[in-house]
Amino acid sequence: LLAAVGFATAAHWTTARLDLGSWLGFGHSALLSDGVAGIFLALVGTTGAAVSIALLEQRPSRLTAGLHSLILLAVATVVGADQAFVFLLAWETITLSLYLLAGSNRDRPGALVAAYFGGGLSKVAGACILAAFALLYGKTGSFAFHDWAHAAGGLGAARSVAFVLLLVGFGSKIGLIPLQAGLPPLYAAAPNATAATIAI
């Protein structure tokens, strides 16, 4: 489903929108997919489907299969979120899921150490992102990414501070040198084909 939506929107055949309303209490929110978001959704959906097929042959535990699915859902939410609170909620879901996935095979030597180390660095990254979002909210009074984009020119020094915080936060998750230290242990500890899920 993710791949289908991603390919359709990346090709500009359509746009996709899932309205979440304002029940979260932090303003109206929605999940959107346009040309750029569609590319990422197509990659997530294709990779996720390939890992799912591999897991069918390996017969993983219910926990492993469930975490794989949860990570796919959370990544799709991160890609499509139009406001910071929904984004951060999905981002922290990814962090927790990666920690649980890496530590799910406790009998494997070093798995728990890798989970603690990778999870700890991910929490530091999450704290940087939270600080940047709080700063931008304080300057704009809104959680909407659209409002932040329009206010970017008038943020002054806060814009630079937010950029550095976001660079550290996202850089540690995507393996930006020298912030990549937490990723190799997570890859090594992930059971079966789910190392590819972490790479998503």
N, C-alpha and C. Protein backbone atom coordinates (compact mmCIF):
# COMPACT_ATOMS: atom_id res chain seq x y z
N LEU A 1 0.82 -1.20 0.00
CA LEU A 1 0.00 0.00 0.00
C LEU A 1 0.87 1.26 0.00
N LEU A 2 1.92 1.27 0.85
CA LEU A 2 2.81 2.41 0.88
C LEU A 2 3.48 2.62 -0.47
N ALA A 3 3.94 1.53 -1.06
CA ALA A 3 4.60 1.63 -2.36
C ALA A 3 3.64 2.15 -3.42
N ALA A 4 2.40 1.68 -3.41
CA ALA A 4 1.41 2.11 -4.41
C ALA A 4 1.12 3.60 -4.28
N VAL A 5 0.89 4.06 -3.05
CA VAL A 5 0.65 5.50 -2.82
C VAL A 5 1.88 6.31 -3.20
N GLY A 6 3.04 5.79 -2.83
CA GLY A 6 4.28 6.50 -3.13
C GLY A 6 4.51 6.65 -4.62
N PHE A 7 4.37 5.57 -5.38
CA PHE A 7 4.59 5.65 -6.83
C PHE A 7 3.56 6.56 -7.49
N ALA A 8 2.30 6.48 -7.05
CA ALA A 8 1.25 7.29 -7.66
C ALA A 8 1.48 8.78 -7.42
N THR A 9 1.90 9.14 -6.22
CA THR A 9 2.11 10.55 -5.92
C THR A 9 3.46 11.05 -6.44
N ALA A 10 4.47 10.19 -6.46
CA ALA A 10 5.77 10.58 -7.01
C ALA A 10 5.67 10.86 -8.51
N ALA A 11 4.80 10.13 -9.19
CA ALA A 11 4.60 10.33 -10.62
C ALA A 11 3.63 11.48 -10.91
N HIS A 12 3.14 12.13 -9.86
CA HIS A 12 2.19 13.25 -9.98
C HIS A 12 0.87 12.84 -10.63
N TRP A 13 0.51 11.56 -10.47
CA TRP A 13 -0.79 11.13 -10.94
C TRP A 13 -1.88 11.59 -10.00
N THR A 14 -1.54 11.74 -8.74
CA THR A 14 -2.51 12.17 -7.74
C THR A 14 -1.76 12.69 -6.51
N THR A 15 -2.50 13.25 -5.58
CA THR A 15 -1.95 13.58 -4.26
C THR A 15 -2.78 12.83 -3.23
N ALA A 16 -2.18 12.54 -2.11
CA ALA A 16 -2.87 11.78 -1.06
C ALA A 16 -2.89 12.60 0.22
N ARG A 17 -4.01 12.55 0.92
CA ARG A 17 -4.15 13.28 2.19
C ARG A 17 -5.03 12.47 3.13
N LEU A 18 -4.54 12.26 4.35
CA LEU A 18 -5.30 11.60 5.40
C LEU A 18 -5.46 12.59 6.53
N ASP A 19 -6.68 13.09 6.70
CA ASP A 19 -6.95 14.11 7.71
C ASP A 19 -7.05 13.48 9.09
N LEU A 20 -6.23 13.95 10.03
CA LEU A 20 -6.25 13.43 11.40
C LEU A 20 -7.04 14.31 12.35
N GLY A 21 -7.54 15.44 11.88
CA GLY A 21 -8.31 16.34 12.73
C GLY A 21 -7.43 17.02 13.78
N SER A 22 -8.04 17.38 14.88
CA SER A 22 -7.30 18.06 15.96
C SER A 22 -7.44 17.32 17.28
N TRP A 23 -7.71 16.03 17.23
CA TRP A 23 -7.96 15.28 18.46
C TRP A 23 -6.71 15.13 19.32
N LEU A 24 -5.52 15.34 18.74
CA LEU A 24 -4.30 15.25 19.54
C LEU A 24 -4.13 16.44 20.47
N GLY A 25 -4.85 17.53 20.18
CA GLY A 25 -4.80 18.69 21.06
C GLY A 25 -3.71 19.69 20.75
N PHE A 26 -3.00 19.51 19.64
CA PHE A 26 -1.92 20.43 19.27
C PHE A 26 -2.17 21.03 17.90
N GLY A 27 -3.43 21.31 17.60
CA GLY A 27 -3.79 21.89 16.32
C GLY A 27 -4.16 20.83 15.30
N HIS A 28 -4.67 21.30 14.18
CA HIS A 28 -5.10 20.39 13.12
C HIS A 28 -3.88 19.71 12.50
N SER A 29 -4.04 18.45 12.14
CA SER A 29 -2.92 17.70 11.56
C SER A 29 -3.43 16.78 10.46
N ALA A 30 -2.51 16.44 9.57
CA ALA A 30 -2.85 15.54 8.46
C ALA A 30 -1.57 14.86 7.98
N LEU A 31 -1.76 13.75 7.27
CA LEU A 31 -0.65 13.08 6.60
C LEU A 31 -0.79 13.35 5.11
N LEU A 32 0.28 13.85 4.49
CA LEU A 32 0.24 14.27 3.10
C LEU A 32 1.28 13.52 2.30
N SER A 33 0.98 13.31 1.02
CA SER A 33 1.98 12.75 0.11
C SER A 33 1.90 13.49 -1.21
N ASP A 34 3.00 14.17 -1.56
CA ASP A 34 3.10 14.84 -2.85
C ASP A 34 4.25 14.19 -3.62
N GLY A 35 4.80 14.90 -4.60
CA GLY A 35 5.85 14.32 -5.42
C GLY A 35 7.07 13.87 -4.65
N VAL A 36 7.57 14.74 -3.75
CA VAL A 36 8.77 14.42 -3.00
C VAL A 36 8.49 13.34 -1.95
N ALA A 37 7.43 13.53 -1.17
CA ALA A 37 7.08 12.53 -0.15
C ALA A 37 6.79 11.18 -0.80
N GLY A 38 6.23 11.20 -2.02
CA GLY A 38 5.93 9.96 -2.71
C GLY A 38 7.16 9.14 -3.00
N ILE A 39 8.27 9.80 -3.32
CA ILE A 39 9.52 9.07 -3.58
C ILE A 39 9.93 8.29 -2.34
N PHE A 40 9.87 8.95 -1.18
CA PHE A 40 10.27 8.28 0.06
C PHE A 40 9.29 7.18 0.45
N LEU A 41 7.99 7.43 0.25
CA LEU A 41 7.01 6.39 0.56
C LEU A 41 7.19 5.18 -0.34
N ALA A 42 7.51 5.42 -1.62
CA ALA A 42 7.75 4.30 -2.53
C ALA A 42 8.95 3.48 -2.08
N LEU A 43 10.01 4.15 -1.65
CA LEU A 43 11.20 3.43 -1.16
C LEU A 43 10.89 2.65 0.11
N VAL A 44 10.16 3.28 1.04
CA VAL A 44 9.80 2.62 2.29
C VAL A 44 8.91 1.41 2.01
N GLY A 45 7.92 1.59 1.14
CA GLY A 45 7.00 0.50 0.84
C GLY A 45 7.67 -0.66 0.14
N THR A 46 8.55 -0.36 -0.82
CA THR A 46 9.24 -1.41 -1.56
C THR A 46 10.20 -2.19 -0.66
N THR A 47 11.00 -1.44 0.12
CA THR A 47 11.93 -2.10 1.04
C THR A 47 11.17 -2.89 2.11
N GLY A 48 10.12 -2.29 2.65
CA GLY A 48 9.33 -2.97 3.67
C GLY A 48 8.70 -4.25 3.15
N ALA A 49 8.22 -4.23 1.91
CA ALA A 49 7.63 -5.43 1.33
C ALA A 49 8.68 -6.52 1.14
N ALA A 50 9.87 -6.13 0.70
CA ALA A 50 10.95 -7.11 0.50
C ALA A 50 11.35 -7.76 1.83
N VAL A 51 11.47 -6.94 2.88
CA VAL A 51 11.82 -7.49 4.20
C VAL A 51 10.69 -8.39 4.70
N SER A 52 9.46 -7.99 4.48
CA SER A 52 8.32 -8.80 4.93
C SER A 52 8.32 -10.18 4.27
N ILE A 53 8.63 -10.23 2.98
CA ILE A 53 8.70 -11.52 2.27
C ILE A 53 9.84 -12.38 2.84
N ALA A 54 10.98 -11.72 3.13
CA ALA A 54 12.11 -12.47 3.71
C ALA A 54 11.75 -13.00 5.09
N LEU A 55 10.99 -12.22 5.86
CA LEU A 55 10.60 -12.66 7.20
C LEU A 55 9.63 -13.83 7.15
N LEU A 56 8.82 -13.92 6.09
CA LEU A 56 7.90 -15.05 5.95
C LEU A 56 8.66 -16.36 5.87
N GLU A 57 9.81 -16.34 5.20
CA GLU A 57 10.62 -17.55 5.07
C GLU A 57 11.38 -17.87 6.35
N GLN A 58 11.73 -16.83 7.13
CA GLN A 58 12.54 -17.04 8.33
C GLN A 58 11.70 -17.30 9.58
N ARG A 59 10.39 -17.11 9.48
CA ARG A 59 9.48 -17.32 10.60
C ARG A 59 9.96 -16.61 11.87
N PRO A 60 9.93 -15.29 11.88
CA PRO A 60 10.41 -14.55 13.06
C PRO A 60 9.40 -14.63 14.20
N SER A 61 9.81 -14.14 15.36
CA SER A 61 8.88 -14.07 16.48
C SER A 61 7.82 -13.01 16.19
N ARG A 62 6.74 -13.07 16.94
CA ARG A 62 5.67 -12.08 16.76
C ARG A 62 6.18 -10.68 17.09
N LEU A 63 7.06 -10.58 18.08
CA LEU A 63 7.61 -9.29 18.46
C LEU A 63 8.40 -8.69 17.30
N THR A 64 9.25 -9.49 16.66
CA THR A 64 10.06 -9.00 15.55
C THR A 64 9.18 -8.56 14.39
N ALA A 65 8.21 -9.38 14.03
CA ALA A 65 7.32 -9.02 12.92
C ALA A 65 6.50 -7.78 13.25
N GLY A 66 6.03 -7.70 14.48
CA GLY A 66 5.24 -6.53 14.90
C GLY A 66 6.05 -5.25 14.88
N LEU A 67 7.29 -5.32 15.36
CA LEU A 67 8.15 -4.13 15.37
C LEU A 67 8.50 -3.70 13.95
N HIS A 68 8.73 -4.67 13.07
CA HIS A 68 8.99 -4.35 11.66
C HIS A 68 7.81 -3.55 11.08
N SER A 69 6.60 -4.01 11.33
CA SER A 69 5.41 -3.32 10.82
C SER A 69 5.24 -1.95 11.46
N LEU A 70 5.51 -1.86 12.75
CA LEU A 70 5.37 -0.59 13.45
C LEU A 70 6.37 0.45 12.93
N ILE A 71 7.59 0.00 12.64
CA ILE A 71 8.59 0.91 12.09
C ILE A 71 8.14 1.44 10.72
N LEU A 72 7.60 0.57 9.88
CA LEU A 72 7.11 1.02 8.58
C LEU A 72 6.01 2.06 8.73
N LEU A 73 5.08 1.82 9.64
CA LEU A 73 3.99 2.77 9.87
C LEU A 73 4.53 4.10 10.39
N ALA A 74 5.47 4.03 11.33
CA ALA A 74 6.02 5.26 11.91
C ALA A 74 6.82 6.05 10.89
N VAL A 75 7.60 5.37 10.05
CA VAL A 75 8.38 6.07 9.02
C VAL A 75 7.45 6.74 8.01
N ALA A 76 6.37 6.05 7.63
CA ALA A 76 5.40 6.65 6.72
C ALA A 76 4.76 7.89 7.34
N THR A 77 4.51 7.85 8.65
CA THR A 77 3.95 9.01 9.35
C THR A 77 4.94 10.16 9.39
N VAL A 78 6.22 9.85 9.63
CA VAL A 78 7.25 10.89 9.61
C VAL A 78 7.31 11.57 8.25
N VAL A 79 7.25 10.77 7.19
CA VAL A 79 7.33 11.31 5.83
C VAL A 79 6.13 12.21 5.53
N GLY A 80 4.96 11.81 5.99
CA GLY A 80 3.74 12.54 5.61
C GLY A 80 3.25 13.59 6.58
N ALA A 81 3.82 13.66 7.79
CA ALA A 81 3.32 14.58 8.81
C ALA A 81 3.43 16.03 8.36
N ASP A 82 2.38 16.82 8.65
CA ASP A 82 2.41 18.24 8.29
C ASP A 82 2.58 19.15 9.49
N GLN A 83 2.75 18.56 10.67
CA GLN A 83 3.01 19.37 11.85
C GLN A 83 3.91 18.64 12.82
N ALA A 84 4.56 19.41 13.67
CA ALA A 84 5.68 18.92 14.48
C ALA A 84 5.28 17.87 15.50
N PHE A 85 4.12 18.01 16.13
CA PHE A 85 3.77 17.08 17.20
C PHE A 85 3.57 15.68 16.65
N VAL A 86 2.86 15.55 15.54
CA VAL A 86 2.65 14.23 14.93
C VAL A 86 3.99 13.66 14.47
N PHE A 87 4.84 14.52 13.89
CA PHE A 87 6.16 14.10 13.45
C PHE A 87 6.97 13.55 14.61
N LEU A 88 7.00 14.29 15.72
CA LEU A 88 7.81 13.87 16.87
C LEU A 88 7.26 12.60 17.50
N LEU A 89 5.96 12.46 17.53
CA LEU A 89 5.34 11.25 18.06
C LEU A 89 5.77 10.03 17.24
N ALA A 90 5.75 10.16 15.91
CA ALA A 90 6.17 9.07 15.04
C ALA A 90 7.68 8.84 15.15
N TRP A 91 8.45 9.92 15.29
CA TRP A 91 9.91 9.80 15.39
C TRP A 91 10.31 9.03 16.65
N GLU A 92 9.67 9.33 17.75
CA GLU A 92 9.96 8.62 18.99
C GLU A 92 9.48 7.18 18.95
N THR A 93 8.43 6.92 18.19
CA THR A 93 7.98 5.54 17.98
C THR A 93 9.05 4.74 17.25
N ILE A 94 9.69 5.36 16.26
CA ILE A 94 10.80 4.71 15.55
C ILE A 94 11.93 4.41 16.52
N THR A 95 12.29 5.40 17.34
CA THR A 95 13.39 5.23 18.30
C THR A 95 13.13 4.06 19.24
N LEU A 96 11.93 4.02 19.82
CA LEU A 96 11.59 2.95 20.74
C LEU A 96 11.56 1.59 20.04
N SER A 97 11.03 1.57 18.83
CA SER A 97 10.94 0.31 18.08
C SER A 97 12.32 -0.22 17.71
N LEU A 98 13.23 0.67 17.33
CA LEU A 98 14.59 0.24 17.00
C LEU A 98 15.29 -0.34 18.23
N TYR A 99 15.08 0.30 19.37
CA TYR A 99 15.67 -0.20 20.62
C TYR A 99 15.14 -1.61 20.94
N LEU A 100 13.83 -1.78 20.85
CA LEU A 100 13.23 -3.08 21.15
C LEU A 100 13.63 -4.13 20.12
N LEU A 101 13.75 -3.73 18.86
CA LEU A 101 14.14 -4.67 17.81
C LEU A 101 15.57 -5.15 18.01
N ALA A 102 16.47 -4.23 18.31
CA ALA A 102 17.87 -4.61 18.52
C ALA A 102 18.03 -5.50 19.73
N GLY A 103 17.23 -5.28 20.76
CA GLY A 103 17.34 -6.06 21.98
C GLY A 103 16.41 -7.25 22.07
N SER A 104 15.70 -7.55 20.97
CA SER A 104 14.71 -8.62 21.03
C SER A 104 15.33 -10.01 21.16
N ASN A 105 16.52 -10.18 20.64
CA ASN A 105 17.21 -11.48 20.76
C ASN A 105 18.24 -11.40 21.88
N ARG A 106 17.80 -11.58 23.10
CA ARG A 106 18.67 -11.37 24.26
C ARG A 106 19.76 -12.43 24.38
N ASP A 107 19.56 -13.55 23.74
CA ASP A 107 20.57 -14.60 23.81
C ASP A 107 21.77 -14.32 22.91
N ARG A 108 21.62 -13.39 22.02
CA ARG A 108 22.72 -13.06 21.10
C ARG A 108 23.73 -12.18 21.82
N PRO A 109 25.00 -12.54 21.81
CA PRO A 109 26.01 -11.75 22.53
C PRO A 109 26.06 -10.30 22.03
N GLY A 110 26.00 -9.37 22.98
CA GLY A 110 26.12 -7.95 22.64
C GLY A 110 24.84 -7.29 22.20
N ALA A 111 23.74 -8.04 22.11
CA ALA A 111 22.49 -7.46 21.61
C ALA A 111 21.96 -6.37 22.55
N LEU A 112 21.95 -6.65 23.85
CA LEU A 112 21.42 -5.67 24.79
C LEU A 112 22.31 -4.43 24.87
N VAL A 113 23.62 -4.63 24.83
CA VAL A 113 24.54 -3.49 24.84
C VAL A 113 24.30 -2.62 23.62
N ALA A 114 24.14 -3.25 22.45
CA ALA A 114 23.88 -2.51 21.22
C ALA A 114 22.56 -1.76 21.31
N ALA A 115 21.54 -2.40 21.90
CA ALA A 115 20.24 -1.75 22.04
C ALA A 115 20.33 -0.54 22.96
N TYR A 116 21.01 -0.70 24.10
CA TYR A 116 21.16 0.42 25.03
C TYR A 116 21.95 1.57 24.41
N PHE A 117 23.05 1.22 23.74
CA PHE A 117 23.91 2.25 23.16
C PHE A 117 23.19 2.98 22.03
N GLY A 118 22.62 2.22 21.10
CA GLY A 118 21.91 2.83 19.98
C GLY A 118 20.68 3.60 20.44
N GLY A 119 19.94 3.01 21.39
CA GLY A 119 18.77 3.70 21.92
C GLY A 119 19.12 4.97 22.66
N GLY A 120 20.22 4.93 23.42
CA GLY A 120 20.64 6.12 24.14
C GLY A 120 21.02 7.27 23.22
N LEU A 121 21.77 6.96 22.16
CA LEU A 121 22.14 8.00 21.20
C LEU A 121 20.91 8.51 20.46
N SER A 122 19.96 7.63 20.20
CA SER A 122 18.73 8.05 19.53
C SER A 122 17.93 9.00 20.41
N LYS A 123 17.97 8.78 21.71
CA LYS A 123 17.26 9.68 22.63
C LYS A 123 17.93 11.06 22.67
N VAL A 124 19.26 11.09 22.58
CA VAL A 124 19.96 12.37 22.49
C VAL A 124 19.54 13.10 21.22
N ALA A 125 19.46 12.36 20.11
CA ALA A 125 19.01 12.95 18.85
C ALA A 125 17.59 13.48 18.98
N GLY A 126 16.73 12.69 19.62
CA GLY A 126 15.35 13.12 19.82
C GLY A 126 15.25 14.37 20.67
N ALA A 127 16.13 14.49 21.67
CA ALA A 127 16.14 15.69 22.52
C ALA A 127 16.53 16.92 21.71
N CYS A 128 17.48 16.77 20.79
CA CYS A 128 17.88 17.90 19.92
C CYS A 128 16.72 18.33 19.03
N ILE A 129 16.02 17.36 18.47
CA ILE A 129 14.88 17.68 17.60
C ILE A 129 13.78 18.35 18.41
N LEU A 130 13.52 17.84 19.61
CA LEU A 130 12.50 18.43 20.48
C LEU A 130 12.86 19.87 20.83
N ALA A 131 14.14 20.12 21.13
CA ALA A 131 14.58 21.48 21.46
C ALA A 131 14.40 22.41 20.27
N ALA A 132 14.73 21.93 19.07
CA ALA A 132 14.56 22.76 17.87
C ALA A 132 13.08 23.06 17.63
N PHE A 133 12.23 22.04 17.78
CA PHE A 133 10.79 22.25 17.59
C PHE A 133 10.23 23.22 18.62
N ALA A 134 10.68 23.09 19.87
CA ALA A 134 10.22 24.00 20.91
C ALA A 134 10.63 25.44 20.60
N LEU A 135 11.84 25.61 20.10
CA LEU A 135 12.32 26.94 19.73
C LEU A 135 11.48 27.53 18.60
N LEU A 136 11.21 26.73 17.58
CA LEU A 136 10.42 27.20 16.45
C LEU A 136 8.97 27.48 16.85
N TYR A 137 8.43 26.65 17.74
CA TYR A 137 7.08 26.90 18.24
C TYR A 137 7.04 28.20 19.04
N GLY A 138 8.07 28.41 19.87
CA GLY A 138 8.12 29.64 20.66
C GLY A 138 8.18 30.88 19.80
N LYS A 139 8.80 30.78 18.63
CA LYS A 139 8.92 31.93 17.74
C LYS A 139 7.70 32.15 16.86
N THR A 140 6.98 31.06 16.55
CA THR A 140 5.87 31.18 15.60
C THR A 140 4.49 30.96 16.24
N GLY A 141 4.46 30.29 17.39
CA GLY A 141 3.17 29.99 18.02
C GLY A 141 2.39 28.90 17.30
N SER A 142 3.06 28.13 16.47
CA SER A 142 2.38 27.11 15.69
C SER A 142 3.27 25.88 15.59
N PHE A 143 2.63 24.70 15.47
CA PHE A 143 3.35 23.46 15.24
C PHE A 143 3.39 23.09 13.76
N ALA A 144 2.70 23.85 12.91
CA ALA A 144 2.58 23.50 11.49
C ALA A 144 3.87 23.81 10.74
N PHE A 145 4.35 22.85 9.97
CA PHE A 145 5.57 23.06 9.19
C PHE A 145 5.38 24.18 8.17
N HIS A 146 4.18 24.31 7.65
CA HIS A 146 3.88 25.37 6.68
C HIS A 146 4.12 26.74 7.29
N ASP A 147 3.67 26.93 8.53
CA ASP A 147 3.87 28.21 9.21
C ASP A 147 5.35 28.46 9.49
N TRP A 148 6.09 27.42 9.82
CA TRP A 148 7.53 27.57 10.08
C TRP A 148 8.25 27.99 8.80
N ALA A 149 7.86 27.41 7.68
CA ALA A 149 8.52 27.75 6.41
C ALA A 149 8.29 29.21 6.04
N HIS A 150 7.08 29.71 6.29
CA HIS A 150 6.78 31.09 5.96
C HIS A 150 7.45 32.08 6.91
N ALA A 151 7.71 31.64 8.13
CA ALA A 151 8.32 32.53 9.13
C ALA A 151 9.85 32.44 9.15
N ALA A 152 10.43 31.57 8.31
CA ALA A 152 11.87 31.31 8.38
C ALA A 152 12.71 32.56 8.22
N GLY A 153 12.30 33.46 7.35
CA GLY A 153 13.10 34.66 7.10
C GLY A 153 13.19 35.60 8.27
N GLY A 154 12.22 35.54 9.18
CA GLY A 154 12.20 36.48 10.30
C GLY A 154 12.60 35.88 11.63
N LEU A 155 13.21 34.72 11.61
CA LEU A 155 13.57 34.04 12.87
C LEU A 155 14.91 34.51 13.43
N GLY A 156 15.73 35.14 12.62
CA GLY A 156 17.03 35.64 13.09
C GLY A 156 17.95 34.51 13.54
N ALA A 157 18.59 34.72 14.70
CA ALA A 157 19.55 33.74 15.22
C ALA A 157 18.89 32.42 15.57
N ALA A 158 17.60 32.45 15.90
CA ALA A 158 16.89 31.21 16.25
C ALA A 158 16.90 30.23 15.08
N ARG A 159 16.92 30.74 13.87
CA ARG A 159 16.95 29.87 12.69
C ARG A 159 18.25 29.07 12.65
N SER A 160 19.37 29.72 12.94
CA SER A 160 20.66 29.03 12.93
C SER A 160 20.76 28.00 14.05
N VAL A 161 20.26 28.37 15.23
CA VAL A 161 20.29 27.44 16.36
C VAL A 161 19.43 26.22 16.05
N ALA A 162 18.24 26.45 15.50
CA ALA A 162 17.35 25.34 15.15
C ALA A 162 18.00 24.45 14.09
N PHE A 163 18.70 25.06 13.13
CA PHE A 163 19.36 24.28 12.08
C PHE A 163 20.42 23.35 12.68
N VAL A 164 21.23 23.86 13.60
CA VAL A 164 22.28 23.04 14.21
C VAL A 164 21.66 21.90 15.01
N LEU A 165 20.62 22.20 15.79
CA LEU A 165 19.96 21.17 16.58
C LEU A 165 19.36 20.09 15.69
N LEU A 166 18.72 20.49 14.60
CA LEU A 166 18.12 19.53 13.69
C LEU A 166 19.19 18.73 12.95
N LEU A 167 20.31 19.36 12.63
CA LEU A 167 21.40 18.65 11.97
C LEU A 167 21.94 17.53 12.86
N VAL A 168 22.12 17.84 14.14
CA VAL A 168 22.59 16.82 15.08
C VAL A 168 21.53 15.73 15.26
N GLY A 169 20.27 16.16 15.42
CA GLY A 169 19.19 15.19 15.65
C GLY A 169 18.99 14.23 14.49
N PHE A 170 18.87 14.76 13.28
CA PHE A 170 18.65 13.92 12.12
C PHE A 170 19.94 13.23 11.67
N GLY A 171 21.07 13.90 11.87
CA GLY A 171 22.35 13.34 11.45
C GLY A 171 22.69 12.05 12.15
N SER A 172 22.34 11.94 13.42
CA SER A 172 22.64 10.71 14.16
C SER A 172 21.74 9.56 13.71
N LYS A 173 20.58 9.88 13.17
CA LYS A 173 19.66 8.83 12.73
C LYS A 173 20.00 8.32 11.33
N ILE A 174 20.56 9.19 10.50
CA ILE A 174 20.86 8.78 9.13
C ILE A 174 22.33 8.39 8.96
N GLY A 175 23.11 8.46 10.03
CA GLY A 175 24.50 8.03 9.95
C GLY A 175 25.45 9.09 9.46
N LEU A 176 25.14 10.36 9.69
CA LEU A 176 26.03 11.44 9.28
C LEU A 176 27.29 11.42 10.14
N ILE A 177 28.45 11.36 9.51
CA ILE A 177 29.72 11.35 10.24
C ILE A 177 29.92 12.71 10.90
N PRO A 178 30.30 12.79 12.19
CA PRO A 178 30.72 11.71 13.09
C PRO A 178 29.62 11.26 14.05
N LEU A 179 28.35 11.38 13.64
CA LEU A 179 27.23 11.09 14.53
C LEU A 179 26.67 9.69 14.32
N GLN A 180 27.39 8.83 13.59
CA GLN A 180 26.85 7.53 13.18
C GLN A 180 27.12 6.41 14.17
N ALA A 181 27.70 6.72 15.32
CA ALA A 181 28.19 5.66 16.22
C ALA A 181 27.11 4.68 16.67
N GLY A 182 25.87 5.13 16.79
CA GLY A 182 24.83 4.24 17.30
C GLY A 182 24.26 3.28 16.27
N LEU A 183 24.48 3.53 14.97
CA LEU A 183 23.84 2.71 13.94
C LEU A 183 24.49 1.34 13.72
N PRO A 184 25.82 1.23 13.60
CA PRO A 184 26.40 -0.11 13.36
C PRO A 184 26.02 -1.16 14.40
N PRO A 185 26.02 -0.83 15.70
CA PRO A 185 25.58 -1.85 16.68
C PRO A 185 24.13 -2.26 16.49
N LEU A 186 23.26 -1.31 16.10
CA LEU A 186 21.86 -1.66 15.88
C LEU A 186 21.72 -2.60 14.70
N TYR A 187 22.45 -2.33 13.61
CA TYR A 187 22.42 -3.23 12.45
C TYR A 187 22.88 -4.63 12.84
N ALA A 188 23.96 -4.69 13.60
CA ALA A 188 24.52 -5.99 13.96
C ALA A 188 23.59 -6.79 14.87
N ALA A 189 22.86 -6.08 15.75
CA ALA A 189 22.01 -6.77 16.72
C ALA A 189 20.63 -7.12 16.17
N ALA A 190 20.22 -6.49 15.09
CA ALA A 190 18.88 -6.72 14.55
C ALA A 190 18.74 -8.16 14.09
N PRO A 191 17.63 -8.83 14.45
CA PRO A 191 17.47 -10.24 14.06
C PRO A 191 17.08 -10.39 12.59
N ASN A 192 17.65 -11.41 11.95
CA ASN A 192 17.29 -11.80 10.59
C ASN A 192 17.40 -10.65 9.60
N ALA A 193 16.37 -10.49 8.79
CA ALA A 193 16.38 -9.48 7.71
C ALA A 193 16.01 -8.10 8.20
N THR A 194 15.70 -7.94 9.49
CA THR A 194 15.22 -6.65 9.97
C THR A 194 16.33 -5.59 10.04
N ALA A 195 17.57 -5.97 9.77
CA ALA A 195 18.62 -4.96 9.64
C ALA A 195 18.26 -3.99 8.51
N ALA A 196 17.61 -4.53 7.47
CA ALA A 196 17.16 -3.67 6.37
C ALA A 196 16.05 -2.74 6.81
N THR A 197 15.24 -3.15 7.78
CA THR A 197 14.20 -2.29 8.32
C THR A 197 14.83 -1.10 9.03
N ILE A 198 15.92 -1.34 9.76
CA ILE A 198 16.61 -0.26 10.44
C ILE A 198 17.17 0.72 9.41
N ALA A 199 17.62 0.21 8.27
CA ALA A 199 18.19 1.07 7.22
C ALA A 199 17.13 1.99 6.61
N ILE A 200 15.87 1.63 6.73
CA ILE A 200 14.81 2.49 6.20
C ILE A 200 14.83 3.82 6.91
